[in-house]
PDB file of N, CA and C in Angstrom:
ATOM      1  N   MET A   1      45.525  42.593 -22.806  1.00  0.00           N
ATOM      2  CA  MET A   1      45.232  42.848 -21.358  1.00  0.00           C
ATOM      3  C   MET A   1      45.217  44.340 -21.311  1.00  0.00           C
ATOM      4  N   ARG A   2      44.170  44.954 -20.399  1.00  0.00           N
ATOM      5  CA  ARG A   2      43.957  46.340 -20.347  1.00  0.00           C
ATOM      6  C   ARG A   2      44.875  46.768 -19.093  1.00  0.00           C
ATOM      7  N   ASN A   3      45.220  47.859 -19.488  1.00  0.00           N
ATOM      8  CA  ASN A   3      46.099  48.559 -18.351  1.00  0.00           C
ATOM      9  C   ASN A   3      45.347  49.280 -17.066  1.00  0.00           C
ATOM     10  N   MET A   4      44.972  48.562 -15.816  1.00  0.00           N
ATOM     11  CA  MET A   4      44.147  48.889 -15.027  1.00  0.00           C
ATOM     12  C   MET A   4      44.456  50.515 -14.605  1.00  0.00           C
ATOM     13  N   SER A   5      45.810  50.847 -14.489  1.00  0.00           N
ATOM     14  CA  SER A   5      46.240  52.172 -14.285  1.00  0.00           C
ATOM     15  C   SER A   5      45.737  53.216 -15.122  1.00  0.00           C
ATOM     16  N   MET A   6      45.286  52.864 -16.306  1.00  0.00           N
ATOM     17  CA  MET A   6      44.914  53.902 -17.476  1.00  0.00           C
ATOM     18  C   MET A   6      43.230  54.191 -17.177  1.00  0.00           C
ATOM     19  N   ILE A   7      42.725  53.273 -16.621  1.00  0.00           N
ATOM     20  CA  ILE A   7      41.019  53.547 -16.491  1.00  0.00           C
ATOM     21  C   ILE A   7      40.705  54.733 -15.705  1.00  0.00           C
ATOM     22  N   SER A   8      39.934  55.634 -16.347  1.00  0.00           N
ATOM     23  CA  SER A   8      39.615  56.781 -15.670  1.00  0.00           C
ATOM     24  C   SER A   8      38.190  56.757 -14.781  1.00  0.00           C
ATOM     25  N   ASN A   9      38.005  57.619 -13.819  1.00  0.00           N
ATOM     26  CA  ASN A   9      36.766  57.546 -13.344  1.00  0.00           C
ATOM     27  C   ASN A   9      35.902  59.025 -13.785  1.00  0.00           C
ATOM     28  N   ARG A  10      36.343  59.204 -14.798  1.00  0.00           N
ATOM     29  CA  ARG A  10      35.901  60.590 -15.597  1.00  0.00           C
ATOM     30  C   ARG A  10      35.334  60.274 -17.136  1.00  0.00           C
ATOM     31  N   CYS A  11      34.408  61.195 -17.518  1.00  0.00           N
ATOM     32  CA  CYS A  11      33.969  60.841 -18.892  1.00  0.00           C
ATOM     33  C   CYS A  11      34.989  61.156 -19.960  1.00  0.00           C
ATOM     34  N   ASN A  12      35.206  60.446 -20.875  1.00  0.00           N
ATOM     35  CA  ASN A  12      36.083  60.559 -21.956  1.00  0.00           C
ATOM     36  C   ASN A  12      35.713  61.779 -22.666  1.00  0.00           C
ATOM     37  N   ILE A  13      34.545  62.167 -22.837  1.00  0.00           N
ATOM     38  CA  ILE A  13      34.037  63.183 -23.666  1.00  0.00           C
ATOM     39  C   ILE A  13      34.188  64.603 -22.875  1.00  0.00           C
ATOM     40  N   CYS A  14      33.387  64.617 -21.781  1.00  0.00           N
ATOM     41  CA  CYS A  14      33.359  65.920 -21.135  1.00  0.00           C
ATOM     42  C   CYS A  14      34.086  66.088 -19.938  1.00  0.00           C
ATOM     43  N   GLY A  15      34.928  64.830 -19.353  1.00  0.00           N
ATOM     44  CA  GLY A  15      35.607  64.959 -18.297  1.00  0.00           C
ATOM     45  C   GLY A  15      34.876  64.957 -16.605  1.00  0.00           C
ATOM     46  N   ARG A  16      33.392  64.799 -16.966  1.00  0.00           N
ATOM     47  CA  ARG A  16      32.639  64.808 -15.820  1.00  0.00           C
ATOM     48  C   ARG A  16      33.044  63.666 -14.969  1.00  0.00           C
ATOM     49  N   LYS A  17      32.901  63.626 -13.502  1.00  0.00           N
ATOM     50  CA  LYS A  17      33.398  62.393 -12.632  1.00  0.00           C
ATOM     51  C   LYS A  17      32.245  61.637 -12.917  1.00  0.00           C
ATOM     52  N   LEU A  18      32.324  59.993 -12.776  1.00  0.00           N
ATOM     53  CA  LEU A  18      31.569  59.039 -13.073  1.00  0.00           C
ATOM     54  C   LEU A  18      31.015  58.525 -12.074  1.00  0.00           C
ATOM     55  N   ASP A  19      29.620  57.915 -12.156  1.00  0.00           N
ATOM     56  CA  ASP A  19      29.046  57.421 -10.950  1.00  0.00           C
ATOM     57  C   ASP A  19      28.957  58.056  -9.650  1.00  0.00           C
ATOM     58  N   VAL A  20      28.616  59.467  -9.748  1.00  0.00           N
ATOM     59  CA  VAL A  20      28.441  60.145  -8.607  1.00  0.00           C
ATOM     60  C   VAL A  20      26.894  60.206  -8.086  1.00  0.00           C
ATOM     61  N   SER A  21      26.794  59.550  -7.167  1.00  0.00           N
ATOM     62  CA  SER A  21      25.210  59.230  -6.591  1.00  0.00           C
ATOM     63  C   SER A  21      24.404  60.631  -6.690  1.00  0.00           C
ATOM     64  N   ALA A  22      25.142  61.608  -6.306  1.00  0.00           N
ATOM     65  CA  ALA A  22      24.085  62.771  -6.447  1.00  0.00           C
ATOM     66  C   ALA A  22      23.988  63.614  -7.870  1.00  0.00           C
ATOM     67  N   ASP A  23      24.695  63.100  -8.769  1.00  0.00           N
ATOM     68  CA  ASP A  23      24.773  63.568 -10.301  1.00  0.00           C
ATOM     69  C   ASP A  23      24.157  62.922 -11.131  1.00  0.00           C
ATOM     70  N   LEU A  24      22.831  62.781 -11.221  1.00  0.00           N
ATOM     71  CA  LEU A  24      22.039  61.616 -12.135  1.00  0.00           C
ATOM     72  C   LEU A  24      22.679  61.571 -13.698  1.00  0.00           C
ATOM     73  N   LEU A  25      23.299  62.625 -14.195  1.00  0.00           N
ATOM     74  CA  LEU A  25      23.817  62.615 -15.532  1.00  0.00           C
ATOM     75  C   LEU A  25      25.181  61.922 -15.452  1.00  0.00           C
ATOM     76  N   SER A  26      25.935  61.509 -14.518  1.00  0.00           N
ATOM     77  CA  SER A  26      27.077  60.954 -14.151  1.00  0.00           C
ATOM     78  C   SER A  26      27.485  59.537 -14.404  1.00  0.00           C
ATOM     79  N   ALA A  27      26.118  58.654 -14.601  1.00  0.00           N
ATOM     80  CA  ALA A  27      26.063  57.500 -14.906  1.00  0.00           C
ATOM     81  C   ALA A  27      27.198  56.853 -15.958  1.00  0.00           C
ATOM     82  N   ASP A  28      28.141  55.823 -15.654  1.00  0.00           N
ATOM     83  CA  ASP A  28      29.086  55.439 -16.521  1.00  0.00           C
ATOM     84  C   ASP A  28      28.482  54.749 -17.886  1.00  0.00           C
ATOM     85  N   CYS A  29      28.507  55.063 -18.847  1.00  0.00           N
ATOM     86  CA  CYS A  29      28.132  54.673 -19.904  1.00  0.00           C
ATOM     87  C   CYS A  29      29.423  54.016 -20.602  1.00  0.00           C
ATOM     88  N   GLY A  30      30.003  52.959 -20.228  1.00  0.00           N
ATOM     89  CA  GLY A  30      31.366  52.606 -20.935  1.00  0.00           C
ATOM     90  C   GLY A  30      32.395  53.639 -20.974  1.00  0.00           C
ATOM     91  N   GLY A  31      32.538  54.315 -20.075  1.00  0.00           N
ATOM     92  CA  GLY A  31      33.636  55.290 -19.958  1.00  0.00           C
ATOM     93  C   GLY A  31      33.173  56.802 -20.504  1.00  0.00           C
ATOM     94  N   ASP A  32      31.882  57.042 -20.929  1.00  0.00           N
ATOM     95  CA  ASP A  32      31.078  58.171 -21.168  1.00  0.00           C
ATOM     96  C   ASP A  32      30.165  58.317 -20.183  1.00  0.00           C
ATOM     97  N   CYS A  33      29.792  59.745 -19.843  1.00  0.00           N
ATOM     98  CA  CYS A  33      28.632  59.969 -18.987  1.00  0.00           C
ATOM     99  C   CYS A  33      27.558  59.905 -19.699  1.00  0.00           C
ATOM    100  N   TRP A  34      26.498  59.536 -18.715  1.00  0.00           N
ATOM    101  CA  TRP A  34      24.805  59.636 -19.537  1.00  0.00           C
ATOM    102  C   TRP A  34      24.642  61.106 -20.158  1.00  0.00           C
ATOM    103  N   GLY A  35      25.288  61.954 -19.438  1.00  0.00           N
ATOM    104  CA  GLY A  35      24.958  63.245 -19.726  1.00  0.00           C
ATOM    105  C   GLY A  35      25.689  63.622 -21.367  1.00  0.00           C
ATOM    106  N   CYS A  36      26.582  62.882 -21.880  1.00  0.00           N
ATOM    107  CA  CYS A  36      27.040  62.910 -23.030  1.00  0.00           C
ATOM    108  C   CYS A  36      26.435  61.933 -23.651  1.00  0.00           C
ATOM    109  N   VAL A  37      26.272  60.813 -23.367  1.00  0.00           N
ATOM    110  CA  VAL A  37      25.645  59.809 -24.277  1.00  0.00           C
ATOM    111  C   VAL A  37      24.186  60.094 -24.674  1.00  0.00           C
ATOM    112  N   GLY A  38      23.390  60.476 -23.397  1.00  0.00           N
ATOM    113  CA  GLY A  38      21.902  60.548 -23.844  1.00  0.00           C
ATOM    114  C   GLY A  38      21.608  61.805 -24.736  1.00  0.00           C
ATOM    115  N   ALA A  39      22.650  62.690 -25.018  1.00  0.00           N
ATOM    116  CA  ALA A  39      22.628  63.822 -25.955  1.00  0.00           C
ATOM    117  C   ALA A  39      22.466  63.070 -27.385  1.00  0.00           C
ATOM    118  N   MET A  40      23.698  62.364 -27.732  1.00  0.00           N
ATOM    119  CA  MET A  40      23.970  61.672 -28.875  1.00  0.00           C
ATOM    120  C   MET A  40      22.959  60.638 -29.060  1.00  0.00           C
ATOM    121  N   GLU A  41      22.281  60.122 -28.190  1.00  0.00           N
ATOM    122  CA  GLU A  41      21.080  59.044 -28.535  1.00  0.00           C
ATOM    123  C   GLU A  41      19.747  59.447 -28.687  1.00  0.00           C
ATOM    124  N   LEU A  42      19.553  60.776 -28.926  1.00  0.00           N
ATOM    125  CA  LEU A  42      18.187  61.274 -29.063  1.00  0.00           C
ATOM    126  C   LEU A  42      17.387  60.719 -30.007  1.00  0.00           C
ATOM    127  N   GLY A  43      18.054  59.846 -31.032  1.00  0.00           N
ATOM    128  CA  GLY A  43      17.350  59.281 -32.158  1.00  0.00           C
ATOM    129  C   GLY A  43      16.383  58.015 -31.680  1.00  0.00           C
ATOM    130  N   TRP A  44      17.018  57.451 -30.540  1.00  0.00           N
ATOM    131  CA  TRP A  44      16.389  56.391 -29.993  1.00  0.00           C
ATOM    132  C   TRP A  44      15.379  56.733 -29.021  1.00  0.00           C
ATOM    133  N   PRO A  45      13.910  56.150 -29.372  1.00  0.00           N
ATOM    134  CA  PRO A  45      12.819  56.566 -28.387  1.00  0.00           C
ATOM    135  C   PRO A  45      12.791  56.616 -26.970  1.00  0.00           C
ATOM    136  N   GLU A  46      13.627  55.583 -26.258  1.00  0.00           N
ATOM    137  CA  GLU A  46      13.609  55.598 -24.929  1.00  0.00           C
ATOM    138  C   GLU A  46      14.803  56.662 -24.523  1.00  0.00           C
ATOM    139  N   SER A  47      15.563  56.737 -25.230  1.00  0.00           N
ATOM    140  CA  SER A  47      16.849  57.761 -24.834  1.00  0.00           C
ATOM    141  C   SER A  47      15.941  59.338 -24.796  1.00  0.00           C
ATOM    142  N   ALA A  48      15.260  59.407 -25.909  1.00  0.00           N
ATOM    143  CA  ALA A  48      14.796  60.815 -26.082  1.00  0.00           C
ATOM    144  C   ALA A  48      13.709  60.863 -24.803  1.00  0.00           C
ATOM    145  N   LYS A  49      12.803  60.049 -24.591  1.00  0.00           N
ATOM    146  CA  LYS A  49      11.991  60.078 -23.429  1.00  0.00           C
ATOM    147  C   LYS A  49      12.865  60.652 -22.184  1.00  0.00           C
ATOM    148  N   ARG A  50      14.095  59.872 -21.783  1.00  0.00           N
ATOM    149  CA  ARG A  50      14.573  60.252 -20.728  1.00  0.00           C
ATOM    150  C   ARG A  50      15.293  61.455 -20.588  1.00  0.00           C
ATOM    151  N   VAL A  51      15.966  61.912 -21.713  1.00  0.00           N
ATOM    152  CA  VAL A  51      16.616  63.164 -21.845  1.00  0.00           C
ATOM    153  C   VAL A  51      15.498  64.560 -21.682  1.00  0.00           C
ATOM    154  N   ALA A  52      14.360  63.976 -22.357  1.00  0.00           N
ATOM    155  CA  ALA A  52      13.105  65.023 -22.172  1.00  0.00           C
ATOM    156  C   ALA A  52      12.887  65.353 -20.721  1.00  0.00           C
ATOM    157  N   LYS A  53      12.519  64.168 -20.051  1.00  0.00           N
ATOM    158  CA  LYS A  53      12.425  64.372 -18.575  1.00  0.00           C
ATOM    159  C   LYS A  53      13.541  64.906 -17.903  1.00  0.00           C
ATOM    160  N   GLU A  54      14.960  64.807 -18.201  1.00  0.00           N
ATOM    161  CA  GLU A  54      15.845  65.552 -17.396  1.00  0.00           C
ATOM    162  C   GLU A  54      15.823  66.896 -17.841  1.00  0.00           C
ATOM    163  N   ILE A  55      15.512  67.338 -19.150  1.00  0.00           N
ATOM    164  CA  ILE A  55      15.479  68.939 -19.462  1.00  0.00           C
ATOM    165  C   ILE A  55      14.104  69.413 -18.451  1.00  0.00           C
ATOM    166  N   ARG A  56      13.143  68.839 -18.373  1.00  0.00           N
ATOM    167  CA  ARG A  56      11.964  69.187 -17.447  1.00  0.00           C
ATOM    168  C   ARG A  56      12.605  69.256 -16.093  1.00  0.00           C
ATOM    169  N   ALA A  57      13.313  68.497 -15.524  1.00  0.00           N
ATOM    170  CA  ALA A  57      13.999  68.208 -14.141  1.00  0.00           C
ATOM    171  C   ALA A  57      14.919  69.295 -13.933  1.00  0.00           C
ATOM    172  N   GLY A  58      15.586  70.203 -15.088  1.00  0.00           N
ATOM    173  CA  GLY A  58      16.532  71.223 -14.908  1.00  0.00           C
ATOM    174  C   GLY A  58      18.007  70.631 -15.150  1.00  0.00           C
ATOM    175  N   LEU A  59      18.064  69.340 -15.563  1.00  0.00           N
ATOM    176  CA  LEU A  59      19.421  68.783 -15.626  1.00  0.00           C
ATOM    177  C   LEU A  59      20.048  68.842 -16.820  1.00  0.00           C
ATOM    178  N   ARG A  60      19.424  69.369 -17.961  1.00  0.00           N
ATOM    179  CA  ARG A  60      19.788  69.564 -19.276  1.00  0.00           C
ATOM    180  C   ARG A  60      19.654  70.789 -19.594  1.00  0.00           C
ATOM    181  N   GLU A  61      19.979  71.712 -20.650  1.00  0.00           N
ATOM    182  CA  GLU A  61      19.684  72.701 -21.216  1.00  0.00           C
ATOM    183  C   GLU A  61      18.505  72.203 -22.287  1.00  0.00           C
ATOM    184  N   PRO A  62      17.802  73.217 -22.828  1.00  0.00           N
ATOM    185  CA  PRO A  62      16.560  73.026 -23.512  1.00  0.00           C
ATOM    186  C   PRO A  62      16.963  72.234 -24.989  1.00  0.00           C
ATOM    187  N   ASP A  63      18.308  72.497 -25.469  1.00  0.00           N
ATOM    188  CA  ASP A  63      18.772  71.828 -26.402  1.00  0.00           C
ATOM    189  C   ASP A  63      19.270  70.305 -26.152  1.00  0.00           C
ATOM    190  N   GLY A  64      19.058  69.666 -24.938  1.00  0.00           N
ATOM    191  CA  GLY A  64      19.449  68.696 -24.427  1.00  0.00           C
ATOM    192  C   GLY A  64      20.953  68.533 -23.991  1.00  0.00           C
ATOM    193  N   ALA A  65      21.320  69.266 -24.248  1.00  0.00           N
ATOM    194  CA  ALA A  65      23.132  69.442 -23.740  1.00  0.00           C
ATOM    195  C   ALA A  65      23.025  69.169 -22.260  1.00  0.00           C
ATOM    196  N   ALA A  66      24.122  68.622 -21.645  1.00  0.00           N
ATOM    197  CA  ALA A  66      23.891  68.165 -20.329  1.00  0.00           C
ATOM    198  C   ALA A  66      24.480  69.726 -19.620  1.00  0.00           C
ATOM    199  N   LYS A  67      24.169  69.808 -18.469  1.00  0.00           N
ATOM    200  CA  LYS A  67      24.625  71.088 -17.553  1.00  0.00           C
ATOM    201  C   LYS A  67      25.553  70.506 -16.733  1.00  0.00           C
ATOM    202  N   PRO A  68      26.607  71.477 -16.352  1.00  0.00           N
ATOM    203  CA  PRO A  68      27.717  70.844 -15.582  1.00  0.00           C
ATOM    204  C   PRO A  68      27.038  70.610 -14.382  1.00  0.00           C
ATOM    205  N   PRO A  69      27.875  69.477 -13.712  1.00  0.00           N
ATOM    206  CA  PRO A  69      27.543  69.179 -12.175  1.00  0.00           C
ATOM    207  C   PRO A  69      27.372  70.246 -11.334  1.00  0.00           C
ATOM    208  N   SER A  70      26.569  70.260 -10.332  1.00  0.00           N
ATOM    209  CA  SER A  70      26.369  71.432  -9.289  1.00  0.00           C
ATOM    210  C   SER A  70      27.724  71.258  -8.421  1.00  0.00           C
ATOM    211  N   GLU A  71      28.101  72.412  -8.036  1.00  0.00           N
ATOM    212  CA  GLU A  71      29.074  72.416  -6.971  1.00  0.00           C
ATOM    213  C   GLU A  71      28.620  72.095  -5.750  1.00  0.00           C
ATOM    214  N   ASN A  72      29.035  70.921  -4.812  1.00  0.00           N
ATOM    215  CA  ASN A  72      28.262  70.694  -3.539  1.00  0.00           C
ATOM    216  C   ASN A  72      29.311  70.870  -2.524  1.00  0.00           C
TER     217      ASN A  72
END
């Protein structure tokens, strides 16, 4: 049984808060944020398309790395 007190609301890789509605890269992908997972899945065509769109929107660096969430 999993200890529920150990479940975090932050990405296991970068520490980004997960599931923040104003942060499109914060989607929870099994404990990691889409910002990290998307960059790792660039070999999968659907992920590559989504990451390219996020680069054009200014959410990612030109190399696909996720930009940190903006301070609101």
